[in-house]
Amino acid sequence: MSRVCELTGKGPMTGNNVSHAKNRTRRRFLPNLNDVTLQSEALGRGFKLRISAAALRSVDHRGGLDAYLTKAKDVELSANALKIKKEVTKALATA
């Protein structure tokens, strides 16, 4: 399972551990990923996604999964999230 957020595309970053003596060793900064089930109002069901805590706050701020996906760029979304986005846009267009 990759360490990449399915909605924002955030992944591991690299940097340095810096000691008091200024010795630098390489390290990784991992995103805070959580397994959550988000409900879609347009489709009437839930979807399990692995997203970062920041993405979860963004989904809540925009008003839910449907609103977030309609405004999200396709480049940032995973294949699973793109599939959900297409289903949501189709359901909203017919409603």
PDB file of N, CA and C in Angstrom:
ATOM      1  N   MET A   1       0.838  -1.173   0.000  1.00  0.00           N
ATOM      2  CA  MET A   1       0.000   0.000   0.000  1.00  0.00           C
ATOM      3  C   MET A   1       0.890   1.245   0.000  1.00  0.00           C
ATOM      4  N   SER A   2       0.707   2.116  -0.982  1.00  0.00           N
ATOM      5  CA  SER A   2       1.575   3.286  -1.084  1.00  0.00           C
ATOM      6  C   SER A   2       1.181   4.341  -0.059  1.00  0.00           C
ATOM      7  N   ARG A   3       2.128   5.187   0.280  1.00  0.00           N
ATOM      8  CA  ARG A   3       1.904   6.235   1.269  1.00  0.00           C
ATOM      9  C   ARG A   3       1.548   7.530   0.554  1.00  0.00           C
ATOM     10  N   VAL A   4       0.473   7.504  -0.227  1.00  0.00           N
ATOM     11  CA  VAL A   4       0.037   8.669  -0.979  1.00  0.00           C
ATOM     12  C   VAL A   4      -1.444   8.887  -0.709  1.00  0.00           C
ATOM     13  N   CYS A   5      -1.828  10.138  -0.463  1.00  0.00           N
ATOM     14  CA  CYS A   5      -3.222  10.490  -0.238  1.00  0.00           C
ATOM     15  C   CYS A   5      -3.983  10.340  -1.554  1.00  0.00           C
ATOM     16  N   GLU A   6      -5.164   9.727  -1.486  1.00  0.00           N
ATOM     17  CA  GLU A   6      -5.940   9.477  -2.700  1.00  0.00           C
ATOM     18  C   GLU A   6      -6.620  10.731  -3.240  1.00  0.00           C
ATOM     19  N   LEU A   7      -6.809  11.757  -2.421  1.00  0.00           N
ATOM     20  CA  LEU A   7      -7.500  12.960  -2.874  1.00  0.00           C
ATOM     21  C   LEU A   7      -6.553  14.108  -3.207  1.00  0.00           C
ATOM     22  N   THR A   8      -5.490  14.266  -2.444  1.00  0.00           N
ATOM     23  CA  THR A   8      -4.597  15.406  -2.674  1.00  0.00           C
ATOM     24  C   THR A   8      -3.297  15.023  -3.358  1.00  0.00           C
ATOM     25  N   GLY A   9      -2.939  13.751  -3.347  1.00  0.00           N
ATOM     26  CA  GLY A   9      -1.685  13.326  -3.953  1.00  0.00           C
ATOM     27  C   GLY A   9      -0.473  13.565  -3.076  1.00  0.00           C
ATOM     28  N   LYS A  10      -0.682  13.937  -1.816  1.00  0.00           N
ATOM     29  CA  LYS A  10       0.449  14.146  -0.914  1.00  0.00           C
ATOM     30  C   LYS A  10       1.169  12.839  -0.671  1.00  0.00           C
ATOM     31  N   GLY A  11       2.500  12.886  -0.715  1.00  0.00           N
ATOM     32  CA  GLY A  11       3.313  11.704  -0.489  1.00  0.00           C
ATOM     33  C   GLY A  11       4.472  12.024   0.433  1.00  0.00           C
ATOM     34  N   PRO A  12       5.373  11.063   0.615  1.00  0.00           N
ATOM     35  CA  PRO A  12       6.520  11.298   1.485  1.00  0.00           C
ATOM     36  C   PRO A  12       7.448  12.381   0.925  1.00  0.00           C
ATOM     37  N   MET A  13       8.009  13.166   1.840  1.00  0.00           N
ATOM     38  CA  MET A  13       9.013  14.162   1.491  1.00  0.00           C
ATOM     39  C   MET A  13      10.305  13.778   2.187  1.00  0.00           C
ATOM     40  N   THR A  14      11.417  14.295   1.702  1.00  0.00           N
ATOM     41  CA  THR A  14      12.700  13.995   2.331  1.00  0.00           C
ATOM     42  C   THR A  14      13.294  15.271   2.901  1.00  0.00           C
ATOM     43  N   GLY A  15      14.148  15.080   3.904  1.00  0.00           N
ATOM     44  CA  GLY A  15      14.810  16.203   4.541  1.00  0.00           C
ATOM     45  C   GLY A  15      15.965  15.702   5.380  1.00  0.00           C
ATOM     46  N   ASN A  16      16.349  16.492   6.353  1.00  0.00           N
ATOM     47  CA  ASN A  16      17.472  16.158   7.205  1.00  0.00           C
ATOM     48  C   ASN A  16      17.072  16.138   8.670  1.00  0.00           C
ATOM     49  N   ASN A  17      17.636  15.173   9.420  1.00  0.00           N
ATOM     50  CA  ASN A  17      17.678  15.268  10.870  1.00  0.00           C
ATOM     51  C   ASN A  17      18.900  16.108  11.187  1.00  0.00           C
ATOM     52  N   VAL A  18      18.737  17.118  12.011  1.00  0.00           N
ATOM     53  CA  VAL A  18      19.857  17.983  12.352  1.00  0.00           C
ATOM     54  C   VAL A  18      20.086  17.877  13.853  1.00  0.00           C
ATOM     55  N   SER A  19      21.253  17.392  14.224  1.00  0.00           N
ATOM     56  CA  SER A  19      21.591  17.255  15.642  1.00  0.00           C
ATOM     57  C   SER A  19      22.053  18.591  16.212  1.00  0.00           C
ATOM     58  N   HIS A  20      22.273  18.617  17.512  1.00  0.00           N
ATOM     59  CA  HIS A  20      22.750  19.825  18.168  1.00  0.00           C
ATOM     60  C   HIS A  20      24.116  20.242  17.622  1.00  0.00           C
ATOM     61  N   ALA A  21      24.901  19.263  17.204  1.00  0.00           N
ATOM     62  CA  ALA A  21      26.218  19.539  16.624  1.00  0.00           C
ATOM     63  C   ALA A  21      26.145  19.816  15.121  1.00  0.00           C
ATOM     64  N   LYS A  22      24.934  19.979  14.614  1.00  0.00           N
ATOM     65  CA  LYS A  22      24.679  20.278  13.194  1.00  0.00           C
ATOM     66  C   LYS A  22      25.068  19.140  12.255  1.00  0.00           C
ATOM     67  N   ASN A  23      25.100  17.900  12.764  1.00  0.00           N
ATOM     68  CA  ASN A  23      25.300  16.750  11.884  1.00  0.00           C
ATOM     69  C   ASN A  23      23.986  16.480  11.167  1.00  0.00           C
ATOM     70  N   ARG A  24      24.055  16.267   9.849  1.00  0.00           N
ATOM     71  CA  ARG A  24      22.833  16.076   9.069  1.00  0.00           C
ATOM     72  C   ARG A  24      22.767  14.650   8.538  1.00  0.00           C
ATOM     73  N   THR A  25      21.644  13.994   8.793  1.00  0.00           N
ATOM     74  CA  THR A  25      21.375  12.663   8.241  1.00  0.00           C
ATOM     75  C   THR A  25      20.010  12.711   7.563  1.00  0.00           C
ATOM     76  N   ARG A  26      19.876  11.971   6.491  1.00  0.00           N
ATOM     77  CA  ARG A  26      18.636  12.007   5.712  1.00  0.00           C
ATOM     78  C   ARG A  26      17.500  11.330   6.461  1.00  0.00           C
ATOM     79  N   ARG A  27      16.283  11.839   6.246  1.00  0.00           N
ATOM     80  CA  ARG A  27      15.087  11.257   6.846  1.00  0.00           C
ATOM     81  C   ARG A  27      13.904  11.465   5.912  1.00  0.00           C
ATOM     82  N   ARG A  28      12.781  10.834   6.249  1.00  0.00           N
ATOM     83  CA  ARG A  28      11.549  10.965   5.456  1.00  0.00           C
ATOM     84  C   ARG A  28      10.459  11.572   6.319  1.00  0.00           C
ATOM     85  N   PHE A  29       9.690  12.492   5.719  1.00  0.00           N
ATOM     86  CA  PHE A  29       8.512  13.050   6.363  1.00  0.00           C
ATOM     87  C   PHE A  29       7.308  12.375   5.716  1.00  0.00           C
ATOM     88  N   LEU A  30       6.577  11.563   6.481  1.00  0.00           N
ATOM     89  CA  LEU A  30       5.449  10.814   5.939  1.00  0.00           C
ATOM     90  C   LEU A  30       4.149  11.570   6.173  1.00  0.00           C
ATOM     91  N   PRO A  31       3.208  11.513   5.224  1.00  0.00           N
ATOM     92  CA  PRO A  31       1.919  12.177   5.427  1.00  0.00           C
ATOM     93  C   PRO A  31       1.088  11.425   6.464  1.00  0.00           C
ATOM     94  N   ASN A  32       0.207  12.155   7.126  1.00  0.00           N
ATOM     95  CA  ASN A  32      -0.666  11.592   8.150  1.00  0.00           C
ATOM     96  C   ASN A  32      -1.883  10.970   7.458  1.00  0.00           C
ATOM     97  N   LEU A  33      -1.755   9.707   7.045  1.00  0.00           N
ATOM     98  CA  LEU A  33      -2.819   9.038   6.295  1.00  0.00           C
ATOM     99  C   LEU A  33      -3.760   8.283   7.224  1.00  0.00           C
ATOM    100  N   ASN A  34      -5.061   8.346   6.897  1.00  0.00           N
ATOM    101  CA  ASN A  34      -6.091   7.661   7.668  1.00  0.00           C
ATOM    102  C   ASN A  34      -7.017   6.911   6.720  1.00  0.00           C
ATOM    103  N   ASP A  35      -7.463   5.744   7.143  1.00  0.00           N
ATOM    104  CA  ASP A  35      -8.461   4.992   6.393  1.00  0.00           C
ATOM    105  C   ASP A  35      -9.836   5.450   6.853  1.00  0.00           C
ATOM    106  N   VAL A  36     -10.586   6.074   5.952  1.00  0.00           N
ATOM    107  CA  VAL A  36     -11.898   6.601   6.303  1.00  0.00           C
ATOM    108  C   VAL A  36     -12.928   6.142   5.279  1.00  0.00           C
ATOM    109  N   THR A  37     -14.181   6.155   5.687  1.00  0.00           N
ATOM    110  CA  THR A  37     -15.299   5.901   4.788  1.00  0.00           C
ATOM    111  C   THR A  37     -16.070   7.201   4.646  1.00  0.00           C
ATOM    112  N   LEU A  38     -16.103   7.750   3.441  1.00  0.00           N
ATOM    113  CA  LEU A  38     -16.799   9.004   3.174  1.00  0.00           C
ATOM    114  C   LEU A  38     -18.096   8.716   2.437  1.00  0.00           C
ATOM    115  N   GLN A  39     -19.165   9.391   2.854  1.00  0.00           N
ATOM    116  CA  GLN A  39     -20.482   9.184   2.270  1.00  0.00           C
ATOM    117  C   GLN A  39     -20.698  10.133   1.095  1.00  0.00           C
ATOM    118  N   SER A  40     -21.280   9.602   0.019  1.00  0.00           N
ATOM    119  CA  SER A  40     -21.645  10.403  -1.139  1.00  0.00           C
ATOM    120  C   SER A  40     -23.157  10.588  -1.124  1.00  0.00           C
ATOM    121  N   GLU A  41     -23.604  11.855  -1.098  1.00  0.00           N
ATOM    122  CA  GLU A  41     -25.045  12.126  -1.085  1.00  0.00           C
ATOM    123  C   GLU A  41     -25.670  11.820  -2.444  1.00  0.00           C
ATOM    124  N   ALA A  42     -24.935  12.095  -3.517  1.00  0.00           N
ATOM    125  CA  ALA A  42     -25.482  11.881  -4.859  1.00  0.00           C
ATOM    126  C   ALA A  42     -25.677  10.400  -5.155  1.00  0.00           C
ATOM    127  N   LEU A  43     -24.756   9.559  -4.668  1.00  0.00           N
ATOM    128  CA  LEU A  43     -24.836   8.124  -4.951  1.00  0.00           C
ATOM    129  C   LEU A  43     -25.503   7.347  -3.824  1.00  0.00           C
ATOM    130  N   GLY A  44     -25.582   7.935  -2.644  1.00  0.00           N
ATOM    131  CA  GLY A  44     -26.249   7.285  -1.531  1.00  0.00           C
ATOM    132  C   GLY A  44     -25.487   6.113  -0.938  1.00  0.00           C
ATOM    133  N   ARG A  45     -24.176   6.154  -0.986  1.00  0.00           N
ATOM    134  CA  ARG A  45     -23.374   5.080  -0.413  1.00  0.00           C
ATOM    135  C   ARG A  45     -22.021   5.621   0.039  1.00  0.00           C
ATOM    136  N   GLY A  46     -21.281   4.790   0.757  1.00  0.00           N
ATOM    137  CA  GLY A  46     -19.987   5.201   1.270  1.00  0.00           C
ATOM    138  C   GLY A  46     -18.847   4.622   0.461  1.00  0.00           C
ATOM    139  N   PHE A  47     -17.695   5.299   0.516  1.00  0.00           N
ATOM    140  CA  PHE A  47     -16.496   4.866  -0.187  1.00  0.00           C
ATOM    141  C   PHE A  47     -15.332   4.880   0.785  1.00  0.00           C
ATOM    142  N   LYS A  48     -14.564   3.772   0.811  1.00  0.00           N
ATOM    143  CA  LYS A  48     -13.389   3.687   1.663  1.00  0.00           C
ATOM    144  C   LYS A  48     -12.206   4.291   0.927  1.00  0.00           C
ATOM    145  N   LEU A  49     -11.562   5.278   1.560  1.00  0.00           N
ATOM    146  CA  LEU A  49     -10.423   5.958   0.960  1.00  0.00           C
ATOM    147  C   LEU A  49      -9.316   6.073   1.991  1.00  0.00           C
ATOM    148  N   ARG A  50      -8.085   6.193   1.515  1.00  0.00           N
ATOM    149  CA  ARG A  50      -6.926   6.417   2.383  1.00  0.00           C
ATOM    150  C   ARG A  50      -6.453   7.835   2.111  1.00  0.00           C
ATOM    151  N   ILE A  51      -6.849   8.759   2.995  1.00  0.00           N
ATOM    152  CA  ILE A  51      -6.575  10.175   2.759  1.00  0.00           C
ATOM    153  C   ILE A  51      -5.838  10.779   3.946  1.00  0.00           C
ATOM    154  N   SER A  52      -5.220  11.918   3.710  1.00  0.00           N
ATOM    155  CA  SER A  52      -4.498  12.620   4.769  1.00  0.00           C
ATOM    156  C   SER A  52      -5.485  13.370   5.652  1.00  0.00           C
ATOM    157  N   ALA A  53      -5.020  13.728   6.850  1.00  0.00           N
ATOM    158  CA  ALA A  53      -5.860  14.472   7.785  1.00  0.00           C
ATOM    159  C   ALA A  53      -6.218  15.842   7.214  1.00  0.00           C
ATOM    160  N   ALA A  54      -5.293  16.456   6.480  1.00  0.00           N
ATOM    161  CA  ALA A  54      -5.567  17.752   5.854  1.00  0.00           C
ATOM    162  C   ALA A  54      -6.646  17.619   4.785  1.00  0.00           C
ATOM    163  N   ALA A  55      -6.636  16.520   4.036  1.00  0.00           N
ATOM    164  CA  ALA A  55      -7.657  16.299   3.009  1.00  0.00           C
ATOM    165  C   ALA A  55      -9.023  16.073   3.650  1.00  0.00           C
ATOM    166  N   LEU A  56      -9.055  15.402   4.797  1.00  0.00           N
ATOM    167  CA  LEU A  56     -10.314  15.180   5.501  1.00  0.00           C
ATOM    168  C   LEU A  56     -10.917  16.506   5.952  1.00  0.00           C
ATOM    169  N   ARG A  57     -10.078  17.430   6.430  1.00  0.00           N
ATOM    170  CA  ARG A  57     -10.568  18.759   6.807  1.00  0.00           C
ATOM    171  C   ARG A  57     -11.063  19.518   5.586  1.00  0.00           C
ATOM    172  N   SER A  58     -10.382  19.356   4.446  1.00  0.00           N
ATOM    173  CA  SER A  58     -10.791  20.033   3.217  1.00  0.00           C
ATOM    174  C   SER A  58     -12.140  19.514   2.728  1.00  0.00           C
ATOM    175  N   VAL A  59     -12.352  18.210   2.848  1.00  0.00           N
ATOM    176  CA  VAL A  59     -13.638  17.623   2.444  1.00  0.00           C
ATOM    177  C   VAL A  59     -14.748  18.188   3.316  1.00  0.00           C
ATOM    178  N   ASP A  60     -14.527  18.274   4.618  1.00  0.00           N
ATOM    179  CA  ASP A  60     -15.530  18.845   5.516  1.00  0.00           C
ATOM    180  C   ASP A  60     -15.772  20.320   5.203  1.00  0.00           C
ATOM    181  N   HIS A  61     -14.713  21.059   4.891  1.00  0.00           N
ATOM    182  CA  HIS A  61     -14.831  22.489   4.624  1.00  0.00           C
ATOM    183  C   HIS A  61     -15.628  22.753   3.344  1.00  0.00           C
ATOM    184  N   ARG A  62     -15.436  21.937   2.333  1.00  0.00           N
ATOM    185  CA  ARG A  62     -16.138  22.139   1.058  1.00  0.00           C
ATOM    186  C   ARG A  62     -17.560  21.610   1.068  1.00  0.00           C
ATOM    187  N   GLY A  63     -17.930  20.871   2.100  1.00  0.00           N
ATOM    188  CA  GLY A  63     -19.321  20.431   2.196  1.00  0.00           C
ATOM    189  C   GLY A  63     -19.554  18.992   1.803  1.00  0.00           C
ATOM    190  N   GLY A  64     -18.561  18.138   1.898  1.00  0.00           N
ATOM    191  CA  GLY A  64     -18.758  16.720   1.624  1.00  0.00           C
ATOM    192  C   GLY A  64     -17.922  16.224   0.455  1.00  0.00           C
ATOM    193  N   LEU A  65     -18.001  14.913   0.269  1.00  0.00           N
ATOM    194  CA  LEU A  65     -17.194  14.263  -0.766  1.00  0.00           C
ATOM    195  C   LEU A  65     -17.586  14.720  -2.168  1.00  0.00           C
ATOM    196  N   ASP A  66     -18.883  14.850  -2.426  1.00  0.00           N
ATOM    197  CA  ASP A  66     -19.341  15.235  -3.766  1.00  0.00           C
ATOM    198  C   ASP A  66     -18.827  16.618  -4.156  1.00  0.00           C
ATOM    199  N   ALA A  67     -18.939  17.574  -3.241  1.00  0.00           N
ATOM    200  CA  ALA A  67     -18.490  18.938  -3.526  1.00  0.00           C
ATOM    201  C   ALA A  67     -16.979  18.982  -3.702  1.00  0.00           C
ATOM    202  N   TYR A  68     -16.255  18.195  -2.914  1.00  0.00           N
ATOM    203  CA  TYR A  68     -14.795  18.181  -3.035  1.00  0.00           C
ATOM    204  C   TYR A  68     -14.370  17.618  -4.380  1.00  0.00           C
ATOM    205  N   LEU A  69     -14.968  16.497  -4.784  1.00  0.00           N
ATOM    206  CA  LEU A  69     -14.554  15.843  -6.028  1.00  0.00           C
ATOM    207  C   LEU A  69     -14.901  16.673  -7.262  1.00  0.00           C
ATOM    208  N   THR A  70     -16.022  17.389  -7.245  1.00  0.00           N
ATOM    209  CA  THR A  70     -16.392  18.183  -8.418  1.00  0.00           C
ATOM    210  C   THR A  70     -15.410  19.329  -8.652  1.00  0.00           C
ATOM    211  N   LYS A  71     -14.793  19.854  -7.557  1.00  0.00           N
ATOM    212  CA  LYS A  71     -13.834  20.953  -7.705  1.00  0.00           C
ATOM    213  C   LYS A  71     -12.395  20.477  -7.813  1.00  0.00           C
ATOM    214  N   ALA A  72     -12.121  19.198  -7.539  1.00  0.00           N
ATOM    215  CA  ALA A  72     -10.747  18.693  -7.512  1.00  0.00           C
ATOM    216  C   ALA A  72     -10.193  18.520  -8.925  1.00  0.00           C
ATOM    217  N   LYS A  73      -8.875  18.694  -9.041  1.00  0.00           N
ATOM    218  CA  LYS A  73      -8.203  18.482 -10.322  1.00  0.00           C
ATOM    219  C   LYS A  73      -7.971  16.987 -10.526  1.00  0.00           C
ATOM    220  N   ASP A  74      -8.130  16.530 -11.754  1.00  0.00           N
ATOM    221  CA  ASP A  74      -7.972  15.106 -12.064  1.00  0.00           C
ATOM    222  C   ASP A  74      -6.545  14.620 -11.859  1.00  0.00           C
ATOM    223  N   VAL A  75      -5.562  15.495 -11.981  1.00  0.00           N
ATOM    224  CA  VAL A  75      -4.160  15.104 -11.852  1.00  0.00           C
ATOM    225  C   VAL A  75      -3.850  14.650 -10.426  1.00  0.00           C
ATOM    226  N   GLU A  76      -4.469  15.304  -9.432  1.00  0.00           N
ATOM    227  CA  GLU A  76      -4.179  14.992  -8.035  1.00  0.00           C
ATOM    228  C   GLU A  76      -4.875  13.726  -7.556  1.00  0.00           C
ATOM    229  N   LEU A  77      -5.973  13.350  -8.177  1.00  0.00           N
ATOM    230  CA  LEU A  77      -6.776  12.227  -7.697  1.00  0.00           C
ATOM    231  C   LEU A  77      -6.191  10.890  -8.119  1.00  0.00           C
ATOM    232  N   SER A  78      -6.409   9.876  -7.272  1.00  0.00           N
ATOM    233  CA  SER A  78      -5.984   8.522  -7.604  1.00  0.00           C
ATOM    234  C   SER A  78      -6.974   7.921  -8.603  1.00  0.00           C
ATOM    235  N   ALA A  79      -6.665   6.737  -9.089  1.00  0.00           N
ATOM    236  CA  ALA A  79      -7.547   6.069 -10.047  1.00  0.00           C
ATOM    237  C   ALA A  79      -8.894   5.756  -9.413  1.00  0.00           C
ATOM    238  N   ASN A  80      -8.881   5.334  -8.160  1.00  0.00           N
ATOM    239  CA  ASN A  80     -10.121   5.032  -7.440  1.00  0.00           C
ATOM    240  C   ASN A  80     -10.963   6.297  -7.259  1.00  0.00           C
ATOM    241  N   ALA A  81     -10.324   7.397  -6.894  1.00  0.00           N
ATOM    242  CA  ALA A  81     -11.040   8.655  -6.694  1.00  0.00           C
ATOM    243  C   ALA A  81     -11.577   9.202  -8.022  1.00  0.00           C
ATOM    244  N   LEU A  82     -10.836   9.019  -9.113  1.00  0.00           N
ATOM    245  CA  LEU A  82     -11.332   9.442 -10.431  1.00  0.00           C
ATOM    246  C   LEU A  82     -12.583   8.679 -10.826  1.00  0.00           C
ATOM    247  N   LYS A  83     -12.609   7.389 -10.511  1.00  0.00           N
ATOM    248  CA  LYS A  83     -13.775   6.569 -10.809  1.00  0.00           C
ATOM    249  C   LYS A  83     -14.987   7.066 -10.026  1.00  0.00           C
ATOM    250  N   ILE A  84     -14.771   7.402  -8.755  1.00  0.00           N
ATOM    251  CA  ILE A  84     -15.861   7.922  -7.927  1.00  0.00           C
ATOM    252  C   ILE A  84     -16.326   9.271  -8.459  1.00  0.00           C
ATOM    253  N   LYS A  85     -15.373  10.124  -8.887  1.00  0.00           N
ATOM    254  CA  LYS A  85     -15.716  11.445  -9.413  1.00  0.00           C
ATOM    255  C   LYS A  85     -16.594  11.330 -10.658  1.00  0.00           C
ATOM    256  N   LYS A  86     -16.265  10.394 -11.540  1.00  0.00           N
ATOM    257  CA  LYS A  86     -17.069  10.214 -12.746  1.00  0.00           C
ATOM    258  C   LYS A  86     -18.486   9.758 -12.413  1.00  0.00           C
ATOM    259  N   GLU A  87     -18.609   8.860 -11.427  1.00  0.00           N
ATOM    260  CA  GLU A  87     -19.936   8.404 -11.008  1.00  0.00           C
ATOM    261  C   GLU A  87     -20.739   9.542 -10.404  1.00  0.00           C
ATOM    262  N   VAL A  88     -20.084  10.375  -9.603  1.00  0.00           N
ATOM    263  CA  VAL A  88     -20.775  11.490  -8.948  1.00  0.00           C
ATOM    264  C   VAL A  88     -21.232  12.519  -9.975  1.00  0.00           C
ATOM    265  N   THR A  89     -20.362  12.885 -10.922  1.00  0.00           N
ATOM    266  CA  THR A  89     -20.746  13.868 -11.928  1.00  0.00           C
ATOM    267  C   THR A  89     -21.875  13.347 -12.801  1.00  0.00           C
ATOM    268  N   LYS A  90     -21.859  12.061 -13.098  1.00  0.00           N
ATOM    269  CA  LYS A  90     -22.951  11.474 -13.886  1.00  0.00           C
ATOM    270  C   LYS A  90     -24.254  11.500 -13.104  1.00  0.00           C
ATOM    271  N   ALA A  91     -24.199  11.194 -11.797  1.00  0.00           N
ATOM    272  CA  ALA A  91     -25.401  11.192 -10.976  1.00  0.00           C
ATOM    273  C   ALA A  91     -25.943  12.604 -10.792  1.00  0.00           C
ATOM    274  N   LEU A  92     -25.051  13.586 -10.643  1.00  0.00           N
ATOM    275  CA  LEU A  92     -25.507  14.972 -10.482  1.00  0.00           C
ATOM    276  C   LEU A  92     -26.075  15.526 -11.784  1.00  0.00           C
ATOM    277  N   ALA A  93     -25.541  15.073 -12.926  1.00  0.00           N
ATOM    278  CA  ALA A  93     -26.044  15.568 -14.221  1.00  0.00           C
ATOM    279  C   ALA A  93     -27.458  15.036 -14.505  1.00  0.00           C
ATOM    280  N   THR A  94     -27.731  13.812 -14.094  1.00  0.00           N
ATOM    281  CA  THR A  94     -29.060  13.237 -14.360  1.00  0.00           C
ATOM    282  C   THR A  94     -30.098  13.712 -13.354  1.00  0.00           C
ATOM    283  N   ALA A  95     -29.653  14.142 -12.172  1.00  0.00           N
ATOM    284  CA  ALA A  95     -30.617  14.574 -11.128  1.00  0.00           C
ATOM    285  C   ALA A  95     -31.109  15.986 -11.350  1.00  0.00           C
TER     286      ALA A  95
END
